[in-house]
Amino acid sequence: MENRYRIHQDTAVIEVPYKKKVIEIIEQLGEKSYRVTFKGKTYFMKKFDNKNEFINYIDCSKYLKNSGVLLPKIYFKDKKQLFVLSEFIKGESPLLYLSKGHLDEAYYKSIFNIAFRSKIEGINLNFSPENFKLKNGKLVYLNIQFEKYSEDRNFV
């Protein structure tokens, strides 16, 4: 993204101009990912260093979603500024439920199903527990990171 941010010191909010509107970065979640607000709604924002990363992210999201993997819905894509705004999923990580001993067996099956489907699509995912959320009783992969499939990085 171009360096056109406005930083408000008193509120710790960063504004990113987008289509004559402003995206407010509320919190940095990871290395190029943020919780933001845009038009009064909260979104997950992923930004990219180059067009190839951006295209790979969009393509992998599409392939995985079509194969049945639950992902957050993508609402806005900006090829010029190289970012995506998608659904921000509130809720707990499955790790919290697991630490309390209350993770249903269906979630384990979902993880292996996601691993199987991503392998078929030729995509490696990051299976770290913080990259998953439970939404309406279903396991959602928070499309944080996609890589070309490699057997040595396979989950199963």
Protein backbone atom coordinates (compact mmCIF):
# COMPACT_ATOMS: atom_id res chain seq x y z
CA MET A 1 0.00 0.00 0.00
CA GLU A 2 1.12 3.50 -0.59
CA ASN A 3 2.30 5.35 2.45
CA ARG A 4 -0.80 7.58 2.70
CA TYR A 5 -1.73 6.65 6.25
CA ARG A 6 -2.87 9.22 8.79
CA ILE A 7 -1.99 8.27 12.34
CA HIS A 8 -4.04 9.71 15.20
CA GLN A 9 -1.79 9.69 18.26
CA ASP A 10 -4.63 10.24 20.73
CA THR A 11 -6.64 7.19 19.59
CA ALA A 12 -3.93 4.89 18.16
CA VAL A 13 -6.01 4.60 14.97
CA ILE A 14 -4.42 4.51 11.53
CA GLU A 15 -6.55 5.66 8.60
CA VAL A 16 -6.09 4.16 5.13
CA PRO A 17 -7.84 5.98 2.26
CA TYR A 18 -9.96 3.63 0.11
CA LYS A 19 -12.42 4.69 -2.57
CA LYS A 20 -12.95 8.13 -1.01
CA LYS A 21 -13.70 6.45 2.33
CA VAL A 22 -11.42 5.59 5.23
CA ILE A 23 -10.42 2.22 6.63
CA GLU A 24 -9.44 2.52 10.27
CA ILE A 25 -6.81 0.06 11.46
CA ILE A 26 -7.76 -0.76 15.03
CA GLU A 27 -5.35 -3.56 15.89
CA GLN A 28 -2.45 -5.37 14.26
CA LEU A 29 -3.11 -9.12 14.45
CA GLY A 30 -0.08 -10.50 12.66
CA GLU A 31 2.65 -9.55 10.22
CA LYS A 32 0.44 -7.92 7.50
CA SER A 33 -2.95 -8.57 9.03
CA TYR A 34 -5.22 -6.23 10.96
CA ARG A 35 -8.60 -5.80 12.60
CA VAL A 36 -10.14 -2.75 10.90
CA THR A 37 -13.37 -0.83 10.62
CA PHE A 38 -14.82 0.32 7.32
CA LYS A 39 -18.24 1.90 6.84
CA GLY A 40 -19.10 1.14 10.47
CA LYS A 41 -18.34 -2.61 10.27
CA THR A 42 -15.40 -4.64 11.56
CA TYR A 43 -13.30 -6.59 9.06
CA PHE A 44 -10.10 -8.58 8.84
CA MET A 45 -7.56 -6.88 6.56
CA LYS A 46 -4.71 -8.74 4.90
CA LYS A 47 -2.17 -6.72 2.93
CA PHE A 48 0.41 -7.98 0.46
CA ASP A 49 3.87 -6.96 -0.69
CA ASN A 50 3.29 -7.73 -4.38
CA LYS A 51 0.64 -8.67 -6.93
CA ASN A 52 1.68 -12.36 -7.02
CA GLU A 53 1.02 -12.73 -3.27
CA PHE A 54 -2.33 -10.99 -3.70
CA ILE A 55 -3.40 -13.20 -6.62
CA ASN A 56 -2.21 -16.36 -4.84
CA TYR A 57 -4.28 -15.45 -1.78
CA ILE A 58 -7.44 -14.83 -3.81
CA ASP A 59 -6.96 -18.01 -5.88
CA CYS A 60 -6.24 -20.22 -2.86
CA SER A 61 -9.26 -18.81 -1.03
CA LYS A 62 -11.44 -19.60 -4.03
CA TYR A 63 -10.07 -23.16 -4.47
CA LEU A 64 -10.44 -24.02 -0.78
CA LYS A 65 -13.92 -22.55 -0.50
CA ASN A 66 -15.04 -24.47 -3.60
CA SER A 67 -13.64 -27.69 -2.12
CA GLY A 68 -15.70 -27.26 1.05
CA VAL A 69 -13.27 -25.62 3.48
CA LEU A 70 -15.02 -22.97 5.58
CA LEU A 71 -13.28 -19.61 5.21
CA PRO A 72 -14.27 -16.05 6.13
CA LYS A 73 -16.15 -14.30 3.33
CA ILE A 74 -14.07 -11.84 1.28
CA TYR A 75 -15.95 -8.53 0.94
CA PHE A 76 -13.46 -6.21 -0.76
CA LYS A 77 -10.34 -6.76 -2.87
CA ASP A 78 -8.07 -3.93 -3.95
CA LYS A 79 -5.52 -4.87 -6.64
CA LYS A 80 -4.00 -1.40 -6.68
CA GLN A 81 -3.30 -1.07 -2.95
CA LEU A 82 -2.86 -4.86 -2.57
CA PHE A 83 -5.20 -5.72 0.28
CA VAL A 84 -8.28 -7.77 1.04
CA LEU A 85 -11.05 -7.08 3.54
CA SER A 86 -12.83 -10.17 4.75
CA GLU A 87 -15.21 -11.21 7.48
CA PHE A 88 -13.81 -10.72 10.97
CA ILE A 89 -14.80 -13.76 12.99
CA LYS A 90 -15.18 -13.14 16.69
CA GLY A 91 -15.03 -15.98 19.09
CA GLU A 92 -12.65 -18.36 20.68
CA SER A 93 -9.89 -20.46 19.26
CA PRO A 94 -10.44 -24.21 19.51
CA LEU A 95 -7.32 -24.24 21.71
CA LEU A 96 -9.29 -22.57 24.53
CA TYR A 97 -11.94 -25.29 24.41
CA LEU A 98 -9.26 -27.97 24.22
CA SER A 99 -7.50 -26.54 27.29
CA LYS A 100 -10.80 -26.91 29.16
CA GLY A 101 -11.23 -30.46 27.83
CA HIS A 102 -14.41 -29.64 25.89
CA LEU A 103 -13.50 -29.91 22.21
CA ASP A 104 -16.00 -32.10 20.39
CA GLU A 105 -14.69 -34.99 18.26
CA ALA A 106 -16.30 -33.40 15.19
CA TYR A 107 -13.67 -30.62 15.30
CA TYR A 108 -10.84 -33.13 15.01
CA LYS A 109 -12.56 -34.61 11.98
CA SER A 110 -12.92 -31.10 10.54
CA ILE A 111 -9.19 -30.42 10.92
CA PHE A 112 -8.29 -33.61 9.05
CA ASN A 113 -10.91 -32.84 6.40
CA ILE A 114 -9.40 -29.36 5.91
CA ALA A 115 -5.91 -30.91 5.67
CA PHE A 116 -7.13 -33.46 3.11
CA ARG A 117 -8.92 -30.87 0.97
CA SER A 118 -5.98 -28.45 1.04
CA LYS A 119 -3.64 -31.28 -0.04
CA ILE A 120 -5.94 -32.09 -2.98
CA GLU A 121 -5.91 -28.40 -3.98
CA GLY A 122 -2.09 -28.28 -3.70
CA ILE A 123 -2.10 -25.77 -0.86
CA ASN A 124 -0.28 -25.88 2.48
CA LEU A 125 -2.06 -24.18 5.36
CA ASN A 126 -0.76 -23.02 8.69
CA PHE A 127 -2.44 -25.38 11.19
CA SER A 128 -1.50 -23.34 14.24
CA PRO A 129 -4.56 -23.29 16.57
CA GLU A 130 -4.86 -19.49 16.46
CA ASN A 131 -5.61 -19.76 12.71
CA PHE A 132 -8.96 -21.40 13.44
CA LYS A 133 -12.15 -20.11 15.03
CA LEU A 134 -15.38 -21.78 15.98
CA LYS A 135 -18.37 -20.14 14.29
CA ASN A 136 -21.89 -21.46 14.80
CA GLY A 137 -20.46 -24.81 15.89
CA LYS A 138 -18.27 -25.17 12.80
CA LEU A 139 -14.51 -24.89 12.40
CA VAL A 140 -13.39 -22.00 10.17
CA TYR A 141 -9.86 -21.58 8.78
CA LEU A 142 -8.85 -17.92 9.05
CA ASN A 143 -7.15 -17.76 5.66
CA ILE A 144 -4.04 -16.18 7.15
CA GLN A 145 -1.43 -17.92 5.06
CA PHE A 146 -1.37 -20.10 1.95
CA GLU A 147 1.66 -21.77 0.41
CA LYS A 148 2.21 -24.14 -2.47
CA TYR A 149 1.80 -27.72 -1.26
CA SER A 150 4.90 -29.51 -0.04
CA GLU A 151 4.83 -33.03 1.46
CA ASP A 152 7.38 -32.11 4.15
CA ARG A 153 5.00 -29.39 5.43
CA ASN A 154 1.94 -31.62 5.31
CA PHE A 155 -0.19 -31.74 8.45
CA VAL A 156 -1.33 -35.37 8.16
